[in-house]
Amino acid sequence: MSDLLDPRNDFVFKRIFGSEENKDVLLVFLNRTFAESGEQPLTEIVLLNPYTDKDAPLDKQSIFDIWAKTAEGKLINIEMQLFNKYDIEKRTLYYWSKRYSSQLQEGQTYKELKKCVTINILNYPFIANERYHNVFHLREDHTGLELSDDLEVHFMELSKLDDQSVPMEGGLINWLLFLKGADKSNWEVLQMNEPTLKKAMDTLEFLSQDREARRLYEERQKYLHDEASMIEWATEKGIAKGEQKKAIEIAKNMLSLGIEVSVIAKAIGLSQSEVELLKD
């Protein structure tokens, strides 16, 4: 896939799955996902934050998750994670709880709350088993009795897929192999198994040949790399999240005052290259 953009980049992922014209692609992907957790297929989906040309890779207002709603009002959030942000399980529950509670208007009863589903597609190993698709619910420890169906969290780990084994039938694995970057020589088999994949592949090829899309992709890729470097640095140094944020804010303030990079690096305990990243 050397000449193709990487569909694991969240900007590209949202262009393929989160735009109005590709809603059919998203619907099939979700139905393959839910087929593995025993749910009824969806017939339609409403995009709550569809991709638009205003979605700029470095704009803090741009959200590259996909937010959608089913005809029954069930909320779905899909997030592509190219790099390990750490504490993904706490982060997932935090954002799940915000989406769940934000449904209620003043005066409404708890009965109005609809199910919220989070789907995390990870480009790194996370769960200590061999399954590439794990699904979590709220269940009683001994009997497996479900307390409520309102919480459902999926983790799909691309790193657990075997690139060599191309499946012989339809299903979610075909979509995940495409996302992981299956060799183009396998595309034909994947789309025979999953015909709607052809539209996802066509979209990726179109974006890969579009100069402006490539420029935005490279901006986003650099941002994701830089963010991952900062997180990695903070984790290695064992700096608590609050302290890390504080150090970065102080460094940014010092940069805005025109203080030299070498002076900031010395004062904060960052390397000069890490301060340069903040400058960008």
Protein backbone atom coordinates (compact mmCIF):
# COMPACT_ATOMS: atom_id res chain seq x y z
CA MET A 1 0.00 0.00 0.00
CA SER A 2 2.96 2.28 -0.47
CA ASP A 3 1.18 4.72 -2.79
CA LEU A 4 -2.06 4.62 -0.78
CA LEU A 5 -2.89 6.72 2.25
CA ASP A 6 -3.09 4.76 5.50
CA PRO A 7 -6.78 4.16 6.38
CA ARG A 8 -5.74 3.87 10.06
CA ASN A 9 -5.14 7.63 10.05
CA ASP A 10 -8.31 8.94 11.74
CA PHE A 11 -8.69 11.76 9.17
CA VAL A 12 -8.75 9.21 6.31
CA PHE A 13 -10.88 6.76 8.31
CA LYS A 14 -13.54 9.42 8.82
CA ARG A 15 -13.50 10.34 5.13
CA ILE A 16 -14.15 6.68 4.22
CA PHE A 17 -16.69 5.76 6.92
CA GLY A 18 -18.02 9.03 8.29
CA SER A 19 -19.22 10.99 5.25
CA GLU A 20 -22.84 11.23 4.10
CA GLU A 21 -22.07 9.72 0.68
CA ASN A 22 -20.47 6.65 2.32
CA LYS A 23 -23.17 6.00 4.90
CA ASP A 24 -23.87 2.64 3.24
CA VAL A 25 -20.23 1.66 3.90
CA LEU A 26 -20.59 2.54 7.59
CA LEU A 27 -23.88 0.64 7.85
CA VAL A 28 -22.39 -2.61 6.50
CA PHE A 29 -19.30 -2.24 8.73
CA LEU A 30 -21.55 -1.77 11.80
CA ASN A 31 -23.74 -4.73 10.86
CA ARG A 32 -20.69 -6.97 10.55
CA THR A 33 -19.55 -5.68 13.96
CA PHE A 34 -22.91 -6.26 15.64
CA ALA A 35 -23.35 -9.68 14.01
CA GLU A 36 -20.45 -10.80 16.21
CA SER A 37 -22.19 -9.54 19.37
CA GLY A 38 -25.53 -11.13 18.45
CA GLU A 39 -27.48 -7.95 17.69
CA GLN A 40 -30.16 -7.36 15.09
CA PRO A 41 -28.92 -5.72 11.86
CA LEU A 42 -29.47 -1.99 11.45
CA THR A 43 -31.50 -0.71 8.51
CA GLU A 44 -30.47 2.92 8.70
CA ILE A 45 -28.01 5.16 10.49
CA VAL A 46 -27.87 8.91 11.08
CA LEU A 47 -24.46 10.60 11.18
CA LEU A 48 -24.31 13.13 14.03
CA ASN A 49 -20.95 14.66 12.99
CA PRO A 50 -20.45 13.84 9.30
CA TYR A 51 -17.13 14.63 7.64
CA THR A 52 -17.09 18.06 5.98
CA ASP A 53 -14.41 20.10 4.23
CA LYS A 54 -14.24 22.22 7.40
CA ASP A 55 -12.68 19.25 9.27
CA ALA A 56 -9.08 20.47 9.39
CA PRO A 57 -6.40 18.08 10.72
CA LEU A 58 -5.01 20.54 13.26
CA ASP A 59 -8.23 22.34 14.23
CA LYS A 60 -9.23 21.64 17.84
CA GLN A 61 -12.90 21.89 16.78
CA SER A 62 -12.54 18.97 14.36
CA ILE A 63 -13.53 15.62 15.81
CA PHE A 64 -12.28 12.57 13.94
CA ASP A 65 -14.37 10.05 15.85
CA ILE A 66 -17.57 8.99 14.10
CA TRP A 67 -20.78 9.68 16.01
CA ALA A 68 -23.95 8.05 14.77
CA LYS A 69 -27.48 7.23 15.89
CA THR A 70 -29.77 4.35 14.95
CA ALA A 71 -33.46 4.70 14.07
CA GLU A 72 -34.30 3.60 17.64
CA GLY A 73 -32.06 6.30 19.10
CA LYS A 74 -29.13 4.07 20.12
CA LEU A 75 -25.88 6.09 20.08
CA ILE A 76 -22.69 4.77 18.48
CA ASN A 77 -19.19 6.20 18.74
CA ILE A 78 -16.32 4.81 16.61
CA GLU A 79 -12.75 5.83 17.29
CA MET A 80 -9.64 4.85 15.35
CA GLN A 81 -6.46 4.81 17.46
CA LEU A 82 -3.25 4.73 15.43
CA PHE A 83 -1.01 5.11 18.51
CA ASN A 84 -1.35 4.03 22.13
CA LYS A 85 -2.78 6.89 24.20
CA TYR A 86 -2.66 4.75 27.37
CA ASP A 87 -5.51 4.43 29.90
CA ILE A 88 -7.81 3.71 26.95
CA GLU A 89 -10.29 1.81 29.18
CA LYS A 90 -10.71 4.79 31.56
CA ARG A 91 -10.87 7.22 28.65
CA THR A 92 -13.52 5.04 26.99
CA LEU A 93 -15.70 4.91 30.11
CA TYR A 94 -15.28 8.64 30.68
CA TYR A 95 -16.48 9.56 27.18
CA TRP A 96 -19.15 6.84 27.24
CA SER A 97 -20.57 8.32 30.48
CA LYS A 98 -20.58 11.84 29.00
CA ARG A 99 -22.50 10.69 25.91
CA TYR A 100 -24.89 8.61 28.00
CA SER A 101 -25.72 11.35 30.52
CA SER A 102 -25.91 14.14 27.92
CA GLN A 103 -29.02 12.51 26.41
CA LEU A 104 -31.25 13.67 29.29
CA GLN A 105 -32.86 17.08 29.14
CA GLU A 106 -34.11 18.69 32.36
CA GLY A 107 -37.31 17.06 33.60
CA GLN A 108 -36.86 13.85 31.60
CA THR A 109 -36.87 10.48 33.35
CA TYR A 110 -34.01 7.96 33.32
CA LYS A 111 -36.22 5.74 31.18
CA GLU A 112 -35.44 8.06 28.24
CA LEU A 113 -31.75 7.05 28.26
CA LYS A 114 -30.79 5.00 25.20
CA LYS A 115 -28.00 2.47 24.78
CA CYS A 116 -24.53 3.85 23.99
CA VAL A 117 -22.02 1.74 22.07
CA THR A 118 -18.32 2.55 21.81
CA ILE A 119 -16.18 0.90 19.14
CA ASN A 120 -12.42 1.33 19.55
CA ILE A 121 -10.26 0.21 16.61
CA LEU A 122 -6.71 -0.07 17.93
CA ASN A 123 -3.49 -0.32 15.96
CA TYR A 124 -1.72 -1.84 18.97
CA PRO A 125 -2.28 -4.82 21.33
CA PHE A 126 -4.33 -4.07 24.43
CA ILE A 127 -6.33 -7.05 25.74
CA ALA A 128 -4.47 -10.10 27.02
CA ASN A 129 -6.12 -12.72 24.82
CA GLU A 130 -5.90 -13.91 21.21
CA ARG A 131 -9.24 -12.46 20.07
CA TYR A 132 -9.03 -9.54 17.67
CA HIS A 133 -12.61 -8.46 18.53
CA ASN A 134 -13.63 -8.28 22.21
CA VAL A 135 -17.05 -7.04 23.35
CA PHE A 136 -17.83 -5.90 26.92
CA HIS A 137 -21.18 -5.51 28.73
CA LEU A 138 -22.35 -5.07 32.34
CA ARG A 139 -22.90 -8.60 33.61
CA GLU A 140 -23.07 -10.38 36.98
CA ASP A 141 -19.82 -12.20 37.77
CA HIS A 142 -21.19 -15.67 38.64
CA THR A 143 -24.26 -16.12 36.47
CA GLY A 144 -23.54 -13.85 33.49
CA LEU A 145 -26.89 -12.13 34.11
CA GLU A 146 -26.98 -8.75 32.38
CA LEU A 147 -27.67 -5.72 34.57
CA SER A 148 -28.36 -3.43 31.63
CA ASP A 149 -27.72 -3.55 27.90
CA ASP A 150 -27.06 0.21 27.79
CA LEU A 151 -23.27 -0.14 27.99
CA GLU A 152 -21.46 -1.93 25.17
CA VAL A 153 -17.77 -1.47 24.40
CA HIS A 154 -15.93 -3.08 21.48
CA PHE A 155 -12.17 -3.34 21.12
CA MET A 156 -10.83 -4.36 17.71
CA GLU A 157 -7.07 -4.93 17.70
CA LEU A 158 -5.56 -4.83 14.22
CA SER A 159 -2.20 -6.05 15.57
CA LYS A 160 -3.76 -9.46 16.33
CA LEU A 161 -4.72 -10.11 12.70
CA ASP A 162 -2.66 -12.51 10.62
CA ASP A 163 -1.93 -10.62 7.38
CA GLN A 164 -1.27 -13.82 5.45
CA SER A 165 -4.58 -15.61 6.01
CA VAL A 166 -7.23 -14.16 3.72
CA PRO A 167 -10.69 -15.30 4.87
CA MET A 168 -12.86 -17.44 2.62
CA GLU A 169 -16.17 -15.90 3.69
CA GLY A 170 -17.83 -12.59 4.52
CA GLY A 171 -17.62 -10.90 7.91
CA LEU A 172 -15.88 -8.27 10.00
CA ILE A 173 -12.36 -9.66 9.52
CA ASN A 174 -12.39 -8.57 5.84
CA TRP A 175 -13.01 -4.96 6.90
CA LEU A 176 -10.28 -5.08 9.54
CA LEU A 177 -7.75 -6.55 7.09
CA PHE A 178 -8.53 -3.69 4.70
CA LEU A 179 -7.99 -1.17 7.51
CA LYS A 180 -4.76 -2.82 8.57
CA GLY A 181 -3.40 -2.37 5.06
CA ALA A 182 -3.93 -5.72 3.34
CA ASP A 183 -1.82 -6.08 0.20
CA LYS A 184 -3.70 -4.82 -2.85
CA SER A 185 -3.36 -8.27 -4.42
CA ASN A 186 -5.80 -9.47 -1.72
CA TRP A 187 -8.35 -6.70 -2.30
CA GLU A 188 -10.25 -8.71 -4.90
CA VAL A 189 -10.86 -11.60 -2.49
CA LEU A 190 -11.81 -9.23 0.33
CA GLN A 191 -14.40 -7.47 -1.82
CA MET A 192 -15.75 -10.77 -3.14
CA ASN A 193 -16.38 -11.67 0.51
CA GLU A 194 -17.71 -8.19 1.33
CA PRO A 195 -18.96 -6.37 -1.82
CA THR A 196 -19.44 -3.00 -0.05
CA LEU A 197 -15.69 -2.95 0.64
CA LYS A 198 -15.24 -1.96 -3.01
CA LYS A 199 -16.69 1.48 -2.25
CA ALA A 200 -14.34 1.88 0.75
CA MET A 201 -11.39 0.86 -1.47
CA ASP A 202 -12.46 3.22 -4.27
CA THR A 203 -12.69 6.08 -1.74
CA LEU A 204 -9.19 5.32 -0.42
CA GLU A 205 -7.78 5.23 -3.97
CA PHE A 206 -9.49 8.51 -4.84
CA LEU A 207 -8.15 10.23 -1.70
CA SER A 208 -4.67 8.85 -2.36
CA GLN A 209 -4.62 10.52 -5.79
CA ASP A 210 -6.02 13.83 -4.55
CA ARG A 211 -3.24 16.32 -3.84
CA GLU A 212 -5.16 18.33 -1.22
CA ALA A 213 -6.32 15.19 0.61
CA ARG A 214 -2.72 13.96 0.72
CA ARG A 215 -1.50 17.29 2.10
CA LEU A 216 -4.13 17.22 4.87
CA TYR A 217 -3.34 13.56 5.56
CA GLU A 218 0.37 14.33 5.99
CA GLU A 219 -0.44 17.20 8.36
CA ARG A 220 -2.62 14.89 10.44
CA GLN A 221 -0.04 12.08 10.35
CA LYS A 222 2.65 14.45 11.65
CA TYR A 223 0.32 15.68 14.40
CA LEU A 224 -0.49 12.09 15.48
CA HIS A 225 3.21 11.16 15.48
CA ASP A 226 4.12 14.22 17.55
CA GLU A 227 1.30 13.60 20.03
CA ALA A 228 2.39 9.96 20.39
CA SER A 229 6.00 11.07 20.98
CA MET A 230 4.94 13.42 23.77
CA ILE A 231 2.80 10.72 25.44
CA GLU A 232 5.61 8.16 25.10
CA TRP A 233 8.07 10.63 26.59
CA ALA A 234 5.78 11.37 29.54
CA THR A 235 5.15 7.67 30.16
CA GLU A 236 8.83 6.76 30.06
CA LYS A 237 9.69 9.55 32.47
CA GLY A 238 6.90 8.36 34.76
CA ILE A 239 5.39 11.82 34.91
CA ALA A 240 1.84 11.95 36.24
CA LYS A 241 -0.75 13.18 33.74
CA GLY A 242 -1.40 16.42 35.65
CA GLU A 243 2.30 17.23 35.90
CA GLN A 244 2.83 16.44 32.23
CA LYS A 245 0.01 18.80 31.21
CA LYS A 246 1.36 21.50 33.53
CA ALA A 247 4.89 21.19 32.10
CA ILE A 248 3.56 21.44 28.54
CA GLU A 249 1.41 24.49 29.37
CA ILE A 250 4.36 26.26 31.04
CA ALA A 251 6.58 25.47 28.04
CA LYS A 252 3.92 26.85 25.67
CA ASN A 253 3.59 30.04 27.71
CA MET A 254 7.36 30.50 27.70
CA LEU A 255 7.41 30.01 23.93
CA SER A 256 4.71 32.66 23.50
CA LEU A 257 6.89 35.05 25.48
CA GLY A 258 9.69 34.49 22.98
CA ILE A 259 12.02 32.67 25.39
CA GLU A 260 14.68 30.58 23.66
CA VAL A 261 14.01 26.87 23.17
CA SER A 262 17.25 25.83 24.90
CA VAL A 263 16.34 27.89 28.01
CA ILE A 264 12.82 26.40 28.16
CA ALA A 265 14.15 22.85 27.72
CA LYS A 266 16.54 23.33 30.64
CA ALA A 267 13.93 24.93 32.90
CA ILE A 268 11.16 22.39 32.24
CA GLY A 269 13.24 19.24 31.88
CA LEU A 270 12.24 18.54 28.26
CA SER A 271 14.65 17.96 25.39
CA GLN A 272 15.05 20.74 22.81
CA SER A 273 13.35 18.59 20.14
CA GLU A 274 10.32 18.07 22.42
CA VAL A 275 10.01 21.85 22.94
CA GLU A 276 10.30 22.29 19.15
CA LEU A 277 7.30 19.93 18.76
CA LEU A 278 5.26 22.21 21.02
CA LYS A 279 6.33 25.19 18.93
CA ASP A 280 4.62 23.59 15.90
